[in-house]
Amino acid sequence: AQQEFMLRMWVIEQLGPDDTDPDWNPEAL
């Protein structure tokens, strides 16, 4: 869970959110 949170947050911050993919969606995170 910790590793997943860190990587997902990094992608959202650095590459931008993607509402079509739950891994890169801030609300889903």
PDB file of all heavy atoms in Angstrom:
ATOM      1  N   ALA A   1       0.838  -1.211   0.000  1.00  0.00           N
ATOM      2  CA  ALA A   1       0.000   0.000   0.000  1.00  0.00           C
ATOM      3  C   ALA A   1       0.867   1.253   0.000  1.00  0.00           C
ATOM      4  O   ALA A   1       0.579   2.220  -0.725  1.00  0.00           O
ATOM      5  CB  ALA A   1      -0.940  -0.013   1.198  1.00  0.00           C
ATOM      6  N   GLN A   2       1.924   1.256   0.783  1.00  0.00           N
ATOM      7  CA  GLN A   2       2.804   2.417   0.856  1.00  0.00           C
ATOM      8  C   GLN A   2       3.513   2.648  -0.472  1.00  0.00           C
ATOM      9  O   GLN A   2       3.567   3.767  -0.981  1.00  0.00           O
ATOM     10  CB  GLN A   2       3.820   2.236   1.989  1.00  0.00           C
ATOM     11  CG  GLN A   2       4.679   3.444   2.263  1.00  0.00           C
ATOM     12  CD  GLN A   2       5.991   3.452   1.490  1.00  0.00           C
ATOM     13  OE1 GLN A   2       6.467   2.433   1.016  1.00  0.00           O
ATOM     14  NE2 GLN A   2       6.564   4.618   1.364  1.00  0.00           N
ATOM     15  N   GLN A   3       4.061   1.594  -1.061  1.00  0.00           N
ATOM     16  CA  GLN A   3       4.749   1.708  -2.347  1.00  0.00           C
ATOM     17  C   GLN A   3       3.791   2.172  -3.437  1.00  0.00           C
ATOM     18  O   GLN A   3       4.132   3.017  -4.265  1.00  0.00           O
ATOM     19  CB  GLN A   3       5.378   0.366  -2.747  1.00  0.00           C
ATOM     20  CG  GLN A   3       6.547  -0.035  -1.904  1.00  0.00           C
ATOM     21  CD  GLN A   3       7.736   0.877  -2.096  1.00  0.00           C
ATOM     22  OE1 GLN A   3       7.987   1.390  -3.172  1.00  0.00           O
ATOM     23  NE2 GLN A   3       8.481   1.100  -1.033  1.00  0.00           N
ATOM     24  N   GLU A   4       2.595   1.613  -3.422  1.00  0.00           N
ATOM     25  CA  GLU A   4       1.596   1.991  -4.428  1.00  0.00           C
ATOM     26  C   GLU A   4       1.210   3.463  -4.291  1.00  0.00           C
ATOM     27  O   GLU A   4       1.127   4.187  -5.285  1.00  0.00           O
ATOM     28  CB  GLU A   4       0.365   1.091  -4.310  1.00  0.00           C
ATOM     29  CG  GLU A   4      -0.651   1.403  -5.366  1.00  0.00           C
ATOM     30  CD  GLU A   4      -1.603   0.264  -5.625  1.00  0.00           C
ATOM     31  OE1 GLU A   4      -1.186  -0.893  -5.662  1.00  0.00           O
ATOM     32  OE2 GLU A   4      -2.793   0.576  -5.809  1.00  0.00           O
ATOM     33  N   PHE A   5       0.971   3.907  -3.062  1.00  0.00           N
ATOM     34  CA  PHE A   5       0.608   5.304  -2.854  1.00  0.00           C
ATOM     35  C   PHE A   5       1.697   6.233  -3.377  1.00  0.00           C
ATOM     36  O   PHE A   5       1.418   7.200  -4.090  1.00  0.00           O
ATOM     37  CB  PHE A   5       0.349   5.590  -1.363  1.00  0.00           C
ATOM     38  CG  PHE A   5       0.156   7.057  -1.092  1.00  0.00           C
ATOM     39  CD1 PHE A   5      -1.071   7.647  -1.313  1.00  0.00           C
ATOM     40  CD2 PHE A   5       1.221   7.848  -0.666  1.00  0.00           C
ATOM     41  CE1 PHE A   5      -1.252   9.017  -1.093  1.00  0.00           C
ATOM     42  CE2 PHE A   5       1.046   9.206  -0.451  1.00  0.00           C
ATOM     43  CZ  PHE A   5      -0.189   9.787  -0.663  1.00  0.00           C
ATOM     44  N   MET A   6       2.948   5.940  -3.025  1.00  0.00           N
ATOM     45  CA  MET A   6       4.053   6.815  -3.420  1.00  0.00           C
ATOM     46  C   MET A   6       4.185   6.908  -4.942  1.00  0.00           C
ATOM     47  O   MET A   6       4.338   8.000  -5.488  1.00  0.00           O
ATOM     48  CB  MET A   6       5.367   6.317  -2.808  1.00  0.00           C
ATOM     49  CG  MET A   6       5.382   6.370  -1.290  1.00  0.00           C
ATOM     50  SD  MET A   6       5.212   8.035  -0.629  1.00  0.00           S
ATOM     51  CE  MET A   6       6.764   8.728  -1.114  1.00  0.00           C
ATOM     52  N   LEU A   7       4.109   5.773  -5.635  1.00  0.00           N
ATOM     53  CA  LEU A   7       4.263   5.796  -7.089  1.00  0.00           C
ATOM     54  C   LEU A   7       3.064   6.457  -7.763  1.00  0.00           C
ATOM     55  O   LEU A   7       3.232   7.288  -8.667  1.00  0.00           O
ATOM     56  CB  LEU A   7       4.471   4.383  -7.641  1.00  0.00           C
ATOM     57  CG  LEU A   7       4.690   4.292  -9.149  1.00  0.00           C
ATOM     58  CD1 LEU A   7       5.857   5.156  -9.603  1.00  0.00           C
ATOM     59  CD2 LEU A   7       4.885   2.843  -9.565  1.00  0.00           C
ATOM     60  N   ARG A   8       1.866   6.129  -7.313  1.00  0.00           N
ATOM     61  CA  ARG A   8       0.679   6.742  -7.909  1.00  0.00           C
ATOM     62  C   ARG A   8       0.678   8.253  -7.702  1.00  0.00           C
ATOM     63  O   ARG A   8       0.374   9.019  -8.615  1.00  0.00           O
ATOM     64  CB  ARG A   8      -0.588   6.108  -7.329  1.00  0.00           C
ATOM     65  CG  ARG A   8      -0.806   4.688  -7.822  1.00  0.00           C
ATOM     66  CD  ARG A   8      -1.954   4.004  -7.130  1.00  0.00           C
ATOM     67  NE  ARG A   8      -3.235   4.622  -7.461  1.00  0.00           N
ATOM     68  CZ  ARG A   8      -4.374   4.313  -6.846  1.00  0.00           C
ATOM     69  NH1 ARG A   8      -4.397   3.410  -5.879  1.00  0.00           N
ATOM     70  NH2 ARG A   8      -5.499   4.903  -7.206  1.00  0.00           N
ATOM     71  N   MET A   9       1.032   8.693  -6.500  1.00  0.00           N
ATOM     72  CA  MET A   9       1.076  10.131  -6.222  1.00  0.00           C
ATOM     73  C   MET A   9       2.125  10.807  -7.092  1.00  0.00           C
ATOM     74  O   MET A   9       1.885  11.891  -7.636  1.00  0.00           O
ATOM     75  CB  MET A   9       1.384  10.340  -4.728  1.00  0.00           C
ATOM     76  CG  MET A   9       1.208  11.753  -4.253  1.00  0.00           C
ATOM     77  SD  MET A   9      -0.523  12.218  -4.206  1.00  0.00           S
ATOM     78  CE  MET A   9      -0.504  13.529  -5.382  1.00  0.00           C
ATOM     79  N   TRP A  10       3.276  10.175  -7.245  1.00  0.00           N
ATOM     80  CA  TRP A  10       4.336  10.751  -8.071  1.00  0.00           C
ATOM     81  C   TRP A  10       3.867  10.909  -9.520  1.00  0.00           C
ATOM     82  O   TRP A  10       4.064  11.964 -10.121  1.00  0.00           O
ATOM     83  CB  TRP A  10       5.603   9.883  -8.012  1.00  0.00           C
ATOM     84  CG  TRP A  10       6.711  10.476  -8.801  1.00  0.00           C
ATOM     85  CD1 TRP A  10       7.636  11.382  -8.355  1.00  0.00           C
ATOM     86  CD2 TRP A  10       6.989  10.267 -10.186  1.00  0.00           C
ATOM     87  NE1 TRP A  10       8.470  11.732  -9.392  1.00  0.00           N
ATOM     88  CE2 TRP A  10       8.099  11.059 -10.523  1.00  0.00           C
ATOM     89  CE3 TRP A  10       6.406   9.476 -11.174  1.00  0.00           C
ATOM     90  CZ2 TRP A  10       8.641  11.086 -11.799  1.00  0.00           C
ATOM     91  CZ3 TRP A  10       6.946   9.502 -12.459  1.00  0.00           C
ATOM     92  CH2 TRP A  10       8.050  10.303 -12.757  1.00  0.00           C
ATOM     93  N   VAL A  11       3.236   9.879 -10.066  1.00  0.00           N
ATOM     94  CA  VAL A  11       2.752   9.952 -11.455  1.00  0.00           C
ATOM     95  C   VAL A  11       1.726  11.069 -11.587  1.00  0.00           C
ATOM     96  O   VAL A  11       1.788  11.875 -12.529  1.00  0.00           O
ATOM     97  CB  VAL A  11       2.169   8.605 -11.927  1.00  0.00           C
ATOM     98  CG1 VAL A  11       1.417   8.749 -13.242  1.00  0.00           C
ATOM     99  CG2 VAL A  11       3.284   7.566 -12.074  1.00  0.00           C
ATOM    100  N   ILE A  12       0.796  11.155 -10.663  1.00  0.00           N
ATOM    101  CA  ILE A  12      -0.233  12.195 -10.723  1.00  0.00           C
ATOM    102  C   ILE A  12       0.407  13.582 -10.653  1.00  0.00           C
ATOM    103  O   ILE A  12       0.044  14.481 -11.416  1.00  0.00           O
ATOM    104  CB  ILE A  12      -1.284  11.984  -9.611  1.00  0.00           C
ATOM    105  CG1 ILE A  12      -2.121  10.726  -9.911  1.00  0.00           C
ATOM    106  CG2 ILE A  12      -2.180  13.210  -9.469  1.00  0.00           C
ATOM    107  CD1 ILE A  12      -2.958  10.244  -8.736  1.00  0.00           C
ATOM    108  N   GLU A  13       1.363  13.760  -9.768  1.00  0.00           N
ATOM    109  CA  GLU A  13       2.018  15.063  -9.623  1.00  0.00           C
ATOM    110  C   GLU A  13       2.898  15.409 -10.814  1.00  0.00           C
ATOM    111  O   GLU A  13       2.892  16.544 -11.291  1.00  0.00           O
ATOM    112  CB  GLU A  13       2.882  15.093  -8.357  1.00  0.00           C
ATOM    113  CG  GLU A  13       2.111  15.230  -7.089  1.00  0.00           C
ATOM    114  CD  GLU A  13       3.030  15.308  -5.877  1.00  0.00           C
ATOM    115  OE1 GLU A  13       4.208  14.878  -5.938  1.00  0.00           O
ATOM    116  OE2 GLU A  13       2.558  15.821  -4.853  1.00  0.00           O
ATOM    117  N   GLN A  14       3.686  14.448 -11.293  1.00  0.00           N
ATOM    118  CA  GLN A  14       4.686  14.734 -12.327  1.00  0.00           C
ATOM    119  C   GLN A  14       4.149  14.638 -13.751  1.00  0.00           C
ATOM    120  O   GLN A  14       4.571  15.391 -14.623  1.00  0.00           O
ATOM    121  CB  GLN A  14       5.881  13.788 -12.177  1.00  0.00           C
ATOM    122  CG  GLN A  14       6.603  13.929 -10.868  1.00  0.00           C
ATOM    123  CD  GLN A  14       7.183  15.316 -10.676  1.00  0.00           C
ATOM    124  OE1 GLN A  14       7.836  15.854 -11.563  1.00  0.00           O
ATOM    125  NE2 GLN A  14       6.942  15.908  -9.512  1.00  0.00           N
ATOM    126  N   LEU A  15       3.249  13.690 -13.995  1.00  0.00           N
ATOM    127  CA  LEU A  15       2.753  13.454 -15.354  1.00  0.00           C
ATOM    128  C   LEU A  15       1.307  13.898 -15.533  1.00  0.00           C
ATOM    129  O   LEU A  15       0.794  13.883 -16.644  1.00  0.00           O
ATOM    130  CB  LEU A  15       2.900  11.971 -15.714  1.00  0.00           C
ATOM    131  CG  LEU A  15       4.321  11.403 -15.597  1.00  0.00           C
ATOM    132  CD1 LEU A  15       4.325   9.918 -15.888  1.00  0.00           C
ATOM    133  CD2 LEU A  15       5.290  12.157 -16.491  1.00  0.00           C
ATOM    134  N   GLY A  16       0.675  14.252 -14.440  1.00  0.00           N
ATOM    135  CA  GLY A  16      -0.701  14.722 -14.499  1.00  0.00           C
ATOM    136  C   GLY A  16      -1.697  13.614 -14.233  1.00  0.00           C
ATOM    137  O   GLY A  16      -1.426  12.441 -14.465  1.00  0.00           O
ATOM    138  N   PRO A  17      -2.866  13.986 -13.711  1.00  0.00           N
ATOM    139  CA  PRO A  17      -3.910  12.996 -13.448  1.00  0.00           C
ATOM    140  C   PRO A  17      -4.519  12.490 -14.752  1.00  0.00           C
ATOM    141  O   PRO A  17      -4.382  13.101 -15.809  1.00  0.00           O
ATOM    142  CB  PRO A  17      -4.943  13.777 -12.630  1.00  0.00           C
ATOM    143  CG  PRO A  17      -4.727  15.202 -13.003  1.00  0.00           C
ATOM    144  CD  PRO A  17      -3.275  15.340 -13.345  1.00  0.00           C
ATOM    145  N   ASP A  18      -5.187  11.363 -14.653  1.00  0.00           N
ATOM    146  CA  ASP A  18      -5.895  10.776 -15.788  1.00  0.00           C
ATOM    147  C   ASP A  18      -7.191  10.188 -15.239  1.00  0.00           C
ATOM    148  O   ASP A  18      -7.179   9.151 -14.584  1.00  0.00           O
ATOM    149  CB  ASP A  18      -5.042   9.691 -16.449  1.00  0.00           C
ATOM    150  CG  ASP A  18      -5.713   9.032 -17.633  1.00  0.00           C
ATOM    151  OD1 ASP A  18      -6.913   9.292 -17.891  1.00  0.00           O
ATOM    152  OD2 ASP A  18      -5.048   8.235 -18.312  1.00  0.00           O
ATOM    153  N   ASP A  19      -8.282  10.874 -15.492  1.00  0.00           N
ATOM    154  CA  ASP A  19      -9.573  10.438 -14.951  1.00  0.00           C
ATOM    155  C   ASP A  19     -10.082   9.149 -15.585  1.00  0.00           C
ATOM    156  O   ASP A  19     -11.033   8.555 -15.084  1.00  0.00           O
ATOM    157  CB  ASP A  19     -10.613  11.548 -15.116  1.00  0.00           C
ATOM    158  CG  ASP A  19     -10.293  12.753 -14.251  1.00  0.00           C
ATOM    159  OD1 ASP A  19      -9.563  12.600 -13.249  1.00  0.00           O
ATOM    160  OD2 ASP A  19     -10.763  13.858 -14.573  1.00  0.00           O
ATOM    161  N   THR A  20      -9.453   8.696 -16.669  1.00  0.00           N
ATOM    162  CA  THR A  20      -9.884   7.451 -17.319  1.00  0.00           C
ATOM    163  C   THR A  20      -9.168   6.233 -16.759  1.00  0.00           C
ATOM    164  O   THR A  20      -9.533   5.107 -17.070  1.00  0.00           O
ATOM    165  CB  THR A  20      -9.647   7.509 -18.842  1.00  0.00           C
ATOM    166  OG1 THR A  20      -8.239   7.575 -19.099  1.00  0.00           O
ATOM    167  CG2 THR A  20     -10.360   8.700 -19.459  1.00  0.00           C
ATOM    168  N   ASP A  21      -8.159   6.435 -15.929  1.00  0.00           N
ATOM    169  CA  ASP A  21      -7.402   5.322 -15.342  1.00  0.00           C
ATOM    170  C   ASP A  21      -7.391   5.496 -13.833  1.00  0.00           C
ATOM    171  O   ASP A  21      -6.812   6.457 -13.317  1.00  0.00           O
ATOM    172  CB  ASP A  21      -5.973   5.324 -15.889  1.00  0.00           C
ATOM    173  CG  ASP A  21      -5.171   4.117 -15.440  1.00  0.00           C
ATOM    174  OD1 ASP A  21      -5.418   3.583 -14.334  1.00  0.00           O
ATOM    175  OD2 ASP A  21      -4.271   3.706 -16.199  1.00  0.00           O
ATOM    176  N   PRO A  22      -7.991   4.571 -13.098  1.00  0.00           N
ATOM    177  CA  PRO A  22      -8.076   4.736 -11.646  1.00  0.00           C
ATOM    178  C   PRO A  22      -6.717   4.816 -10.950  1.00  0.00           C
ATOM    179  O   PRO A  22      -6.611   5.414  -9.889  1.00  0.00           O
ATOM    180  CB  PRO A  22      -8.871   3.517 -11.172  1.00  0.00           C
ATOM    181  CG  PRO A  22      -8.973   2.602 -12.326  1.00  0.00           C
ATOM    182  CD  PRO A  22      -8.661   3.359 -13.565  1.00  0.00           C
ATOM    183  N   ASP A  23      -5.677   4.245 -11.543  1.00  0.00           N
ATOM    184  CA  ASP A  23      -4.357   4.335 -10.914  1.00  0.00           C
ATOM    185  C   ASP A  23      -3.824   5.760 -10.913  1.00  0.00           C
ATOM    186  O   ASP A  23      -3.030   6.119 -10.056  1.00  0.00           O
ATOM    187  CB  ASP A  23      -3.350   3.420 -11.613  1.00  0.00           C
ATOM    188  CG  ASP A  23      -3.569   1.957 -11.263  1.00  0.00           C
ATOM    189  OD1 ASP A  23      -4.080   1.667 -10.161  1.00  0.00           O
ATOM    190  OD2 ASP A  23      -3.215   1.100 -12.092  1.00  0.00           O
ATOM    191  N   TRP A  24      -4.264   6.561 -11.871  1.00  0.00           N
ATOM    192  CA  TRP A  24      -3.756   7.935 -11.986  1.00  0.00           C
ATOM    193  C   TRP A  24      -4.847   8.973 -11.699  1.00  0.00           C
ATOM    194  O   TRP A  24      -4.699  10.132 -12.041  1.00  0.00           O
ATOM    195  CB  TRP A  24      -3.158   8.177 -13.375  1.00  0.00           C
ATOM    196  CG  TRP A  24      -2.314   7.050 -13.894  1.00  0.00           C
ATOM    197  CD1 TRP A  24      -2.362   6.541 -15.159  1.00  0.00           C
ATOM    198  CD2 TRP A  24      -1.303   6.300 -13.215  1.00  0.00           C
ATOM    199  NE1 TRP A  24      -1.449   5.518 -15.292  1.00  0.00           N
ATOM    200  CE2 TRP A  24      -0.780   5.345 -14.111  1.00  0.00           C
ATOM    201  CE3 TRP A  24      -0.788   6.326 -11.920  1.00  0.00           C
ATOM    202  CZ2 TRP A  24       0.217   4.444 -13.774  1.00  0.00           C
ATOM    203  CZ3 TRP A  24       0.209   5.412 -11.572  1.00  0.00           C
ATOM    204  CH2 TRP A  24       0.700   4.499 -12.489  1.00  0.00           C
ATOM    205  N   ASN A  25      -5.892   8.550 -11.056  1.00  0.00           N
ATOM    206  CA  ASN A  25      -7.005   9.429 -10.704  1.00  0.00           C
ATOM    207  C   ASN A  25      -6.873   9.820  -9.226  1.00  0.00           C
ATOM    208  O   ASN A  25      -6.887   8.946  -8.353  1.00  0.00           O
ATOM    209  CB  ASN A  25      -8.326   8.698 -10.954  1.00  0.00           C
ATOM    210  CG  ASN A  25      -9.521   9.533 -10.606  1.00  0.00           C
ATOM    211  OD1 ASN A  25      -9.698   9.910  -9.457  1.00  0.00           O
ATOM    212  ND2 ASN A  25     -10.354   9.808 -11.586  1.00  0.00           N
ATOM    213  N   PRO A  26      -6.743  11.110  -8.913  1.00  0.00           N
ATOM    214  CA  PRO A  26      -6.556  11.532  -7.518  1.00  0.00           C
ATOM    215  C   PRO A  26      -7.680  11.086  -6.585  1.00  0.00           C
ATOM    216  O   PRO A  26      -7.419  10.703  -5.443  1.00  0.00           O
ATOM    217  CB  PRO A  26      -6.482  13.055  -7.602  1.00  0.00           C
ATOM    218  CG  PRO A  26      -6.127  13.363  -9.005  1.00  0.00           C
ATOM    219  CD  PRO A  26      -6.687  12.250  -9.842  1.00  0.00           C
ATOM    220  N   GLU A  27      -8.920  11.141  -7.058  1.00  0.00           N
ATOM    221  CA  GLU A  27     -10.032  10.722  -6.207  1.00  0.00           C
ATOM    222  C   GLU A  27      -9.966   9.230  -5.904  1.00  0.00           C
ATOM    223  O   GLU A  27     -10.200   8.803  -4.769  1.00  0.00           O
ATOM    224  CB  GLU A  27     -11.380  11.075  -6.853  1.00  0.00           C
ATOM    225  CG  GLU A  27     -11.672  12.566  -6.873  1.00  0.00           C
ATOM    226  CD  GLU A  27     -10.955  13.320  -7.998  1.00  0.00           C
ATOM    227  OE1 GLU A  27     -10.514  12.696  -8.996  1.00  0.00           O
ATOM    228  OE2 GLU A  27     -10.817  14.550  -7.870  1.00  0.00           O
ATOM    229  N   ALA A  28      -9.622   8.428  -6.904  1.00  0.00           N
ATOM    230  CA  ALA A  28      -9.487   6.985  -6.692  1.00  0.00           C
ATOM    231  C   ALA A  28      -8.333   6.697  -5.731  1.00  0.00           C
ATOM    232  O   ALA A  28      -8.432   5.818  -4.865  1.00  0.00           O
ATOM    233  CB  ALA A  28      -9.278   6.265  -8.021  1.00  0.00           C
ATOM    234  N   LEU A  29      -7.245   7.453  -5.856  1.00  0.00           N
ATOM    235  CA  LEU A  29      -6.115   7.285  -4.938  1.00  0.00           C
ATOM    236  C   LEU A  29      -6.538   7.601  -3.509  1.00  0.00           C
ATOM    237  O   LEU A  29      -6.183   6.878  -2.577  1.00  0.00           O
ATOM    238  CB  LEU A  29      -4.939   8.165  -5.362  1.00  0.00           C
ATOM    239  CG  LEU A  29      -3.719   8.139  -4.449  1.00  0.00           C
ATOM    240  CD1 LEU A  29      -3.163   6.730  -4.296  1.00  0.00           C
ATOM    241  CD2 LEU A  29      -2.653   9.085  -4.971  1.00  0.00           C
TER     242      LEU A  29
END
